[in-house]
Amino acid sequence: MKVVFLNVWSGGKLADALAAFLRQQAPSTDIFCFQEAYDAFPVLAAEALGADFTALPITKKIISMHTERFEQALFYKPGTVRLLDSAVVLGGATDTGGLGQYVHCEVGGRELHLCNVHGLPLPGHKRDTPERLAQSRGFLDFMAGKRGPRIIGGDFNLFPDTESIQLFSRAGYRDLVAEFQVPTTRNRLAWERFPDNPQKFADFVFIDPALALQKFAVIDNEISDHLPLLLEVDL
């Protein structure tokens, strides 16, 4: 089973390159987990991925000291993935955390629990805050009640050395970005906008140790200001 996690950058700013990447990955991918799936992106993805995929979008807006808009989309292949249940994690109107998109599915007769995450983007330092710590605990608490293999991935808007990220390893998950010594999950499209504060990380994939990992890769390309994270596992 193959899953791709990708923040598509404000609804897919680099539409042509992004669509080409999705077409290339579609034949071998079972689930795509997208963040910042705003505006025209759902149409772009549907056209690039074709009739083999079904879309599952969610949205949330926070209005507090600033407005934050979260739109995520999960595209799955019904030919290989049977959707059993879905839910929005931290989706309440009064939540200050980010947004999680949960699906309970069956692949090849085996069940899987998957959460597509987009963490709070502000403050932009990507360090711990009370809200970010509560956010990580919220995702972990939600997934803790699920029986069977679990995957949590996406754009956490955090650095690897934060307590908010370390919580996942302490809960027993394998941190694949750390394990594979990934040097960055961003590219120059991010760094050139903030030359005085280049941020190398934001995106992570955490998997249950019970999963048989076949492949993990962070693809160095320029289809977004984030790099795609590709995961292959045997259930």
C-alpha atoms as a PDB file:
ATOM      1  CA  MET A   1       0.000   0.000   0.000  1.00  0.00           C
ATOM      2  CA  LYS A   2       1.299   3.431  -0.949  1.00  0.00           C
ATOM      3  CA  VAL A   3       0.386   6.802   0.601  1.00  0.00           C
ATOM      4  CA  VAL A   4       1.572  10.248  -0.535  1.00  0.00           C
ATOM      5  CA  PHE A   5       1.497  13.251   1.818  1.00  0.00           C
ATOM      6  CA  LEU A   6       1.828  16.733   0.316  1.00  0.00           C
ATOM      7  CA  ASN A   7       1.100  20.341   1.208  1.00  0.00           C
ATOM      8  CA  VAL A   8       0.189  21.628  -2.263  1.00  0.00           C
ATOM      9  CA  TRP A   9       0.948  25.301  -1.431  1.00  0.00           C
ATOM     10  CA  SER A  10      -2.083  27.575  -1.285  1.00  0.00           C
ATOM     11  CA  GLY A  11      -4.331  25.580  -3.550  1.00  0.00           C
ATOM     12  CA  GLY A  12      -1.624  24.478  -5.987  1.00  0.00           C
ATOM     13  CA  LYS A  13       0.361  27.527  -7.096  1.00  0.00           C
ATOM     14  CA  LEU A  14       2.505  25.443  -9.459  1.00  0.00           C
ATOM     15  CA  ALA A  15      -0.493  23.831 -11.105  1.00  0.00           C
ATOM     16  CA  ASP A  16       1.164  22.351 -14.206  1.00  0.00           C
ATOM     17  CA  ALA A  17       4.093  20.766 -12.381  1.00  0.00           C
ATOM     18  CA  LEU A  18       1.829  19.572  -9.585  1.00  0.00           C
ATOM     19  CA  ALA A  19      -0.645  17.965 -11.992  1.00  0.00           C
ATOM     20  CA  ALA A  20       2.190  16.205 -13.822  1.00  0.00           C
ATOM     21  CA  PHE A  21       3.472  14.781 -10.520  1.00  0.00           C
ATOM     22  CA  LEU A  22       0.005  13.546  -9.549  1.00  0.00           C
ATOM     23  CA  ARG A  23      -0.470  11.844 -12.917  1.00  0.00           C
ATOM     24  CA  GLN A  24       2.924  10.172 -12.524  1.00  0.00           C
ATOM     25  CA  GLN A  25       2.182   8.890  -9.018  1.00  0.00           C
ATOM     26  CA  ALA A  26      -1.468   7.929  -9.524  1.00  0.00           C
ATOM     27  CA  PRO A  27      -0.995   4.400 -10.949  1.00  0.00           C
ATOM     28  CA  SER A  28       1.063   3.220  -7.960  1.00  0.00           C
ATOM     29  CA  THR A  29      -0.651   5.190  -5.162  1.00  0.00           C
ATOM     30  CA  ASP A  30      -3.630   4.105  -3.074  1.00  0.00           C
ATOM     31  CA  ILE A  31      -4.171   7.250  -0.972  1.00  0.00           C
ATOM     32  CA  PHE A  32      -3.132  10.901  -1.412  1.00  0.00           C
ATOM     33  CA  CYS A  33      -3.232  13.146   1.676  1.00  0.00           C
ATOM     34  CA  PHE A  34      -3.214  16.835   0.737  1.00  0.00           C
ATOM     35  CA  GLN A  35      -2.976  20.000   2.831  1.00  0.00           C
ATOM     36  CA  GLU A  36      -3.819  23.562   1.712  1.00  0.00           C
ATOM     37  CA  ALA A  37      -6.246  22.043  -0.774  1.00  0.00           C
ATOM     38  CA  TYR A  38      -7.898  25.406  -1.433  1.00  0.00           C
ATOM     39  CA  ASP A  39      -9.848  26.934  -4.285  1.00  0.00           C
ATOM     40  CA  ALA A  40      -9.192  25.236  -7.631  1.00  0.00           C
ATOM     41  CA  PHE A  41      -7.039  22.413  -6.268  1.00  0.00           C
ATOM     42  CA  PRO A  42      -9.836  19.824  -5.864  1.00  0.00           C
ATOM     43  CA  VAL A  43     -10.662  20.219  -9.565  1.00  0.00           C
ATOM     44  CA  LEU A  44      -6.971  20.046 -10.540  1.00  0.00           C
ATOM     45  CA  ALA A  45      -6.503  16.873  -8.478  1.00  0.00           C
ATOM     46  CA  ALA A  46      -9.668  15.231  -9.768  1.00  0.00           C
ATOM     47  CA  GLU A  47      -8.600  15.843 -13.363  1.00  0.00           C
ATOM     48  CA  ALA A  48      -5.007  14.687 -12.777  1.00  0.00           C
ATOM     49  CA  LEU A  49      -5.903  11.579 -10.789  1.00  0.00           C
ATOM     50  CA  GLY A  50      -8.878  10.558 -12.893  1.00  0.00           C
ATOM     51  CA  ALA A  51     -11.890   8.380 -12.231  1.00  0.00           C
ATOM     52  CA  ASP A  52      -9.912   5.789 -10.258  1.00  0.00           C
ATOM     53  CA  PHE A  53      -9.894   8.087  -7.199  1.00  0.00           C
ATOM     54  CA  THR A  54     -12.618   9.359  -4.883  1.00  0.00           C
ATOM     55  CA  ALA A  55     -12.221  12.698  -3.092  1.00  0.00           C
ATOM     56  CA  LEU A  56     -12.869  13.288   0.602  1.00  0.00           C
ATOM     57  CA  PRO A  57     -12.473  17.016   1.503  1.00  0.00           C
ATOM     58  CA  ILE A  58     -12.710  18.727   4.921  1.00  0.00           C
ATOM     59  CA  THR A  59     -12.420  22.339   6.037  1.00  0.00           C
ATOM     60  CA  LYS A  60     -12.080  24.479   9.187  1.00  0.00           C
ATOM     61  CA  LYS A  61     -11.575  28.155   9.978  1.00  0.00           C
ATOM     62  CA  ILE A  62     -10.196  29.646  13.204  1.00  0.00           C
ATOM     63  CA  ILE A  63     -10.872  33.296  14.004  1.00  0.00           C
ATOM     64  CA  SER A  64      -8.980  34.477  17.073  1.00  0.00           C
ATOM     65  CA  MET A  65      -5.980  36.796  17.068  1.00  0.00           C
ATOM     66  CA  HIS A  66      -5.678  35.949  13.398  1.00  0.00           C
ATOM     67  CA  THR A  67      -7.654  33.957  10.875  1.00  0.00           C
ATOM     68  CA  GLU A  68      -6.418  30.535   9.860  1.00  0.00           C
ATOM     69  CA  ARG A  69      -8.008  28.549   7.100  1.00  0.00           C
ATOM     70  CA  PHE A  70      -7.549  24.812   6.870  1.00  0.00           C
ATOM     71  CA  GLU A  71      -8.671  22.834   3.842  1.00  0.00           C
ATOM     72  CA  GLN A  72      -7.547  19.280   3.374  1.00  0.00           C
ATOM     73  CA  ALA A  73      -8.417  16.593   0.882  1.00  0.00           C
ATOM     74  CA  LEU A  74      -7.852  12.879   0.876  1.00  0.00           C
ATOM     75  CA  PHE A  75      -8.117  11.073  -2.450  1.00  0.00           C
ATOM     76  CA  TYR A  76      -8.380   7.283  -2.234  1.00  0.00           C
ATOM     77  CA  LYS A  77      -8.633   4.519  -4.794  1.00  0.00           C
ATOM     78  CA  PRO A  78     -11.846   2.522  -4.190  1.00  0.00           C
ATOM     79  CA  GLY A  79     -10.466  -0.303  -6.298  1.00  0.00           C
ATOM     80  CA  THR A  80      -7.926  -1.094  -3.558  1.00  0.00           C
ATOM     81  CA  VAL A  81      -9.145   0.884  -0.524  1.00  0.00           C
ATOM     82  CA  ARG A  82     -12.497   0.255   1.160  1.00  0.00           C
ATOM     83  CA  LEU A  83     -13.514   3.199   3.325  1.00  0.00           C
ATOM     84  CA  LEU A  84     -15.048   2.043   6.618  1.00  0.00           C
ATOM     85  CA  ASP A  85     -15.307   5.335   8.493  1.00  0.00           C
ATOM     86  CA  SER A  86     -14.035   8.922   8.521  1.00  0.00           C
ATOM     87  CA  ALA A  87     -13.898  11.778  11.015  1.00  0.00           C
ATOM     88  CA  VAL A  88     -12.576  15.287  11.533  1.00  0.00           C
ATOM     89  CA  VAL A  89     -10.017  15.599  14.337  1.00  0.00           C
ATOM     90  CA  LEU A  90      -9.799  18.918  16.262  1.00  0.00           C
ATOM     91  CA  GLY A  91     -12.489  20.274  13.997  1.00  0.00           C
ATOM     92  CA  GLY A  92     -14.648  22.044  16.559  1.00  0.00           C
ATOM     93  CA  ALA A  93     -15.265  25.754  15.967  1.00  0.00           C
ATOM     94  CA  THR A  94     -13.678  26.690  19.305  1.00  0.00           C
ATOM     95  CA  ASP A  95     -10.506  24.590  18.864  1.00  0.00           C
ATOM     96  CA  THR A  96      -7.264  26.514  18.593  1.00  0.00           C
ATOM     97  CA  GLY A  97      -5.318  23.559  17.178  1.00  0.00           C
ATOM     98  CA  GLY A  98      -4.876  22.560  13.563  1.00  0.00           C
ATOM     99  CA  LEU A  99      -6.913  19.996  11.686  1.00  0.00           C
ATOM    100  CA  GLY A 100      -6.746  16.237  11.259  1.00  0.00           C
ATOM    101  CA  GLN A 101      -8.525  14.153   8.645  1.00  0.00           C
ATOM    102  CA  TYR A 102      -9.050  10.598   9.859  1.00  0.00           C
ATOM    103  CA  VAL A 103     -10.035   7.559   7.821  1.00  0.00           C
ATOM    104  CA  HIS A 104     -10.545   3.960   8.868  1.00  0.00           C
ATOM    105  CA  CYS A 105     -10.116   1.787   5.819  1.00  0.00           C
ATOM    106  CA  GLU A 106      -9.502  -1.745   4.647  1.00  0.00           C
ATOM    107  CA  VAL A 107      -6.794  -2.669   2.164  1.00  0.00           C
ATOM    108  CA  GLY A 108      -6.353  -6.256   1.013  1.00  0.00           C
ATOM    109  CA  GLY A 109      -8.541  -7.484   3.835  1.00  0.00           C
ATOM    110  CA  ARG A 110      -6.485  -5.670   6.520  1.00  0.00           C
ATOM    111  CA  GLU A 111      -7.641  -2.605   8.436  1.00  0.00           C
ATOM    112  CA  LEU A 112      -5.722   0.681   8.700  1.00  0.00           C
ATOM    113  CA  HIS A 113      -6.195   3.928  10.640  1.00  0.00           C
ATOM    114  CA  LEU A 114      -4.790   7.021   8.904  1.00  0.00           C
ATOM    115  CA  CYS A 115      -4.719  10.684   9.956  1.00  0.00           C
ATOM    116  CA  ASN A 116      -3.881  13.481   7.492  1.00  0.00           C
ATOM    117  CA  VAL A 117      -2.575  16.422   9.566  1.00  0.00           C
ATOM    118  CA  HIS A 118      -2.181  20.152   9.022  1.00  0.00           C
ATOM    119  CA  GLY A 119      -0.779  21.870  12.096  1.00  0.00           C
ATOM    120  CA  LEU A 120      -0.994  25.484  13.194  1.00  0.00           C
ATOM    121  CA  PRO A 121       1.158  27.677  10.899  1.00  0.00           C
ATOM    122  CA  LEU A 122       1.415  30.576  13.372  1.00  0.00           C
ATOM    123  CA  PRO A 123       3.501  31.675  15.116  1.00  0.00           C
ATOM    124  CA  GLY A 124       5.907  31.149  12.233  1.00  0.00           C
ATOM    125  CA  HIS A 125       8.890  30.071  14.352  1.00  0.00           C
ATOM    126  CA  LYS A 126       7.652  26.431  14.280  1.00  0.00           C
ATOM    127  CA  ARG A 127       8.538  26.016  17.952  1.00  0.00           C
ATOM    128  CA  ASP A 128       6.423  24.720  20.822  1.00  0.00           C
ATOM    129  CA  THR A 129       3.476  26.710  22.072  1.00  0.00           C
ATOM    130  CA  PRO A 130       0.730  25.590  24.479  1.00  0.00           C
ATOM    131  CA  GLU A 131      -1.621  25.313  21.510  1.00  0.00           C
ATOM    132  CA  ARG A 132       0.796  23.161  19.517  1.00  0.00           C
ATOM    133  CA  LEU A 133       1.428  20.842  22.451  1.00  0.00           C
ATOM    134  CA  ALA A 134      -2.320  20.472  22.942  1.00  0.00           C
ATOM    135  CA  GLN A 135      -2.682  19.864  19.207  1.00  0.00           C
ATOM    136  CA  SER A 136      -0.187  16.962  19.219  1.00  0.00           C
ATOM    137  CA  ARG A 137      -1.817  15.447  22.282  1.00  0.00           C
ATOM    138  CA  GLY A 138      -5.188  15.790  20.574  1.00  0.00           C
ATOM    139  CA  PHE A 139      -4.057  13.814  17.533  1.00  0.00           C
ATOM    140  CA  LEU A 140      -2.396  11.171  19.708  1.00  0.00           C
ATOM    141  CA  ASP A 141      -5.379  10.824  22.022  1.00  0.00           C
ATOM    142  CA  PHE A 142      -7.731  10.395  19.095  1.00  0.00           C
ATOM    143  CA  MET A 143      -5.594   7.709  17.457  1.00  0.00           C
ATOM    144  CA  ALA A 144      -4.838   5.934  20.755  1.00  0.00           C
ATOM    145  CA  GLY A 145      -8.324   4.466  20.798  1.00  0.00           C
ATOM    146  CA  LYS A 146      -7.964   2.792  17.411  1.00  0.00           C
ATOM    147  CA  ARG A 147      -7.174  -0.916  17.149  1.00  0.00           C
ATOM    148  CA  GLY A 148      -4.865  -1.929  14.361  1.00  0.00           C
ATOM    149  CA  PRO A 149      -2.022  -0.266  12.406  1.00  0.00           C
ATOM    150  CA  ARG A 150      -1.928   3.536  12.497  1.00  0.00           C
ATOM    151  CA  ILE A 151      -0.305   6.221  10.345  1.00  0.00           C
ATOM    152  CA  ILE A 152      -0.172   9.953  11.135  1.00  0.00           C
ATOM    153  CA  GLY A 153       1.368  12.289   8.565  1.00  0.00           C
ATOM    154  CA  GLY A 154       1.265  15.657   6.883  1.00  0.00           C
ATOM    155  CA  ASP A 155       2.409  19.237   7.470  1.00  0.00           C
ATOM    156  CA  PHE A 156       2.822  19.723  11.228  1.00  0.00           C
ATOM    157  CA  ASN A 157       4.444  23.186  10.932  1.00  0.00           C
ATOM    158  CA  LEU A 158       6.985  22.125  13.564  1.00  0.00           C
ATOM    159  CA  PHE A 159      10.713  21.515  13.915  1.00  0.00           C
ATOM    160  CA  PRO A 160      11.944  17.994  14.690  1.00  0.00           C
ATOM    161  CA  ASP A 161      13.416  18.883  18.085  1.00  0.00           C
ATOM    162  CA  THR A 162      10.188  20.294  19.531  1.00  0.00           C
ATOM    163  CA  GLU A 163       8.361  18.571  22.350  1.00  0.00           C
ATOM    164  CA  SER A 164       5.271  18.651  20.117  1.00  0.00           C
ATOM    165  CA  ILE A 165       7.028  16.288  17.678  1.00  0.00           C
ATOM    166  CA  GLN A 166       8.875  14.200  20.265  1.00  0.00           C
ATOM    167  CA  LEU A 167       5.518  13.263  21.790  1.00  0.00           C
ATOM    168  CA  PHE A 168       4.824  10.981  18.821  1.00  0.00           C
ATOM    169  CA  SER A 169       7.970   8.907  19.345  1.00  0.00           C
ATOM    170  CA  ARG A 170       7.262   8.682  23.056  1.00  0.00           C
ATOM    171  CA  ALA A 171       3.816   7.344  22.204  1.00  0.00           C
ATOM    172  CA  GLY A 172       5.503   4.487  20.337  1.00  0.00           C
ATOM    173  CA  TYR A 173       5.390   5.697  16.730  1.00  0.00           C
ATOM    174  CA  ARG A 174       8.330   5.445  14.351  1.00  0.00           C
ATOM    175  CA  ASP A 175       9.380   8.933  13.234  1.00  0.00           C
ATOM    176  CA  LEU A 176      10.425   8.235   9.644  1.00  0.00           C
ATOM    177  CA  VAL A 177      11.893  11.691   8.981  1.00  0.00           C
ATOM    178  CA  ALA A 178      14.261  11.184  11.912  1.00  0.00           C
ATOM    179  CA  GLU A 179      14.870   7.499  11.235  1.00  0.00           C
ATOM    180  CA  PHE A 180      15.867   8.100   7.617  1.00  0.00           C
ATOM    181  CA  GLN A 181      17.856  11.219   8.543  1.00  0.00           C
ATOM    182  CA  VAL A 182      15.931  13.326   6.031  1.00  0.00           C
ATOM    183  CA  PRO A 183      17.861  16.604   5.565  1.00  0.00           C
ATOM    184  CA  THR A 184      14.802  18.711   4.693  1.00  0.00           C
ATOM    185  CA  THR A 185      11.128  18.543   3.768  1.00  0.00           C
ATOM    186  CA  ARG A 186      11.160  21.984   2.114  1.00  0.00           C
ATOM    187  CA  ASN A 187      12.896  23.537  -0.910  1.00  0.00           C
ATOM    188  CA  ARG A 188      14.173  26.864  -2.220  1.00  0.00           C
ATOM    189  CA  LEU A 189      10.622  28.050  -2.900  1.00  0.00           C
ATOM    190  CA  ALA A 190      10.223  28.265   0.859  1.00  0.00           C
ATOM    191  CA  TRP A 191      13.740  29.343   1.781  1.00  0.00           C
ATOM    192  CA  GLU A 192      13.957  32.205  -0.746  1.00  0.00           C
ATOM    193  CA  ARG A 193      10.871  33.822   0.786  1.00  0.00           C
ATOM    194  CA  PHE A 194      12.539  33.878   4.208  1.00  0.00           C
ATOM    195  CA  PRO A 195      16.279  34.185   3.554  1.00  0.00           C
ATOM    196  CA  ASP A 196      17.007  35.291   7.120  1.00  0.00           C
ATOM    197  CA  ASN A 197      15.175  32.310   8.586  1.00  0.00           C
ATOM    198  CA  PRO A 198      15.431  29.245   6.323  1.00  0.00           C
ATOM    199  CA  GLN A 199      13.257  26.525   7.792  1.00  0.00           C
ATOM    200  CA  LYS A 200      14.219  23.026   6.700  1.00  0.00           C
ATOM    201  CA  PHE A 201      11.349  21.098   8.248  1.00  0.00           C
ATOM    202  CA  ALA A 202       7.582  21.107   8.614  1.00  0.00           C
ATOM    203  CA  ASP A 203       6.389  17.698   7.389  1.00  0.00           C
ATOM    204  CA  PHE A 204       6.492  14.303   9.108  1.00  0.00           C
ATOM    205  CA  VAL A 205       5.224  10.743   8.863  1.00  0.00           C
ATOM    206  CA  PHE A 206       4.736   8.612  11.970  1.00  0.00           C
ATOM    207  CA  ILE A 207       3.852   4.928  11.676  1.00  0.00           C
ATOM    208  CA  ASP A 208       2.860   2.153  14.029  1.00  0.00           C
ATOM    209  CA  PRO A 209       5.780  -0.248  14.645  1.00  0.00           C
ATOM    210  CA  ALA A 210       3.410  -3.097  13.711  1.00  0.00           C
ATOM    211  CA  LEU A 211       3.487  -1.940  10.087  1.00  0.00           C
ATOM    212  CA  ALA A 212       6.004  -3.565   7.748  1.00  0.00           C
ATOM    213  CA  LEU A 213       7.750  -0.594   6.128  1.00  0.00           C
ATOM    214  CA  GLN A 214       8.678  -1.163   2.491  1.00  0.00           C
ATOM    215  CA  LYS A 215       9.777   2.317   1.448  1.00  0.00           C
ATOM    216  CA  PHE A 216       9.920   5.880   2.681  1.00  0.00           C
ATOM    217  CA  ALA A 217      11.165   8.748   0.539  1.00  0.00           C
ATOM    218  CA  VAL A 218      11.060  12.539   0.477  1.00  0.00           C
ATOM    219  CA  ILE A 219      11.096  13.604  -3.174  1.00  0.00           C
ATOM    220  CA  ASP A 220      13.290  16.579  -4.041  1.00  0.00           C
ATOM    221  CA  ASN A 221      11.223  18.493  -6.583  1.00  0.00           C
ATOM    222  CA  GLU A 222       9.539  21.866  -7.107  1.00  0.00           C
ATOM    223  CA  ILE A 223       5.823  21.216  -7.320  1.00  0.00           C
ATOM    224  CA  SER A 224       5.163  23.106  -4.060  1.00  0.00           C
ATOM    225  CA  ASP A 225       7.143  24.853  -1.332  1.00  0.00           C
ATOM    226  CA  HIS A 226       6.892  21.520   0.518  1.00  0.00           C
ATOM    227  CA  LEU A 227       8.337  18.209  -0.661  1.00  0.00           C
ATOM    228  CA  PRO A 228       6.135  15.125  -1.151  1.00  0.00           C
ATOM    229  CA  LEU A 229       6.519  12.321   1.396  1.00  0.00           C
ATOM    230  CA  LEU A 230       6.024   8.847  -0.089  1.00  0.00           C
ATOM    231  CA  LEU A 231       5.244   5.886   2.135  1.00  0.00           C
ATOM    232  CA  GLU A 232       4.878   2.213   1.213  1.00  0.00           C
ATOM    233  CA  VAL A 233       3.873  -0.383   3.795  1.00  0.00           C
ATOM    234  CA  ASP A 234       2.587  -3.931   4.019  1.00  0.00           C
ATOM    235  CA  LEU A 235      -0.393  -4.287   6.325  1.00  0.00           C
END
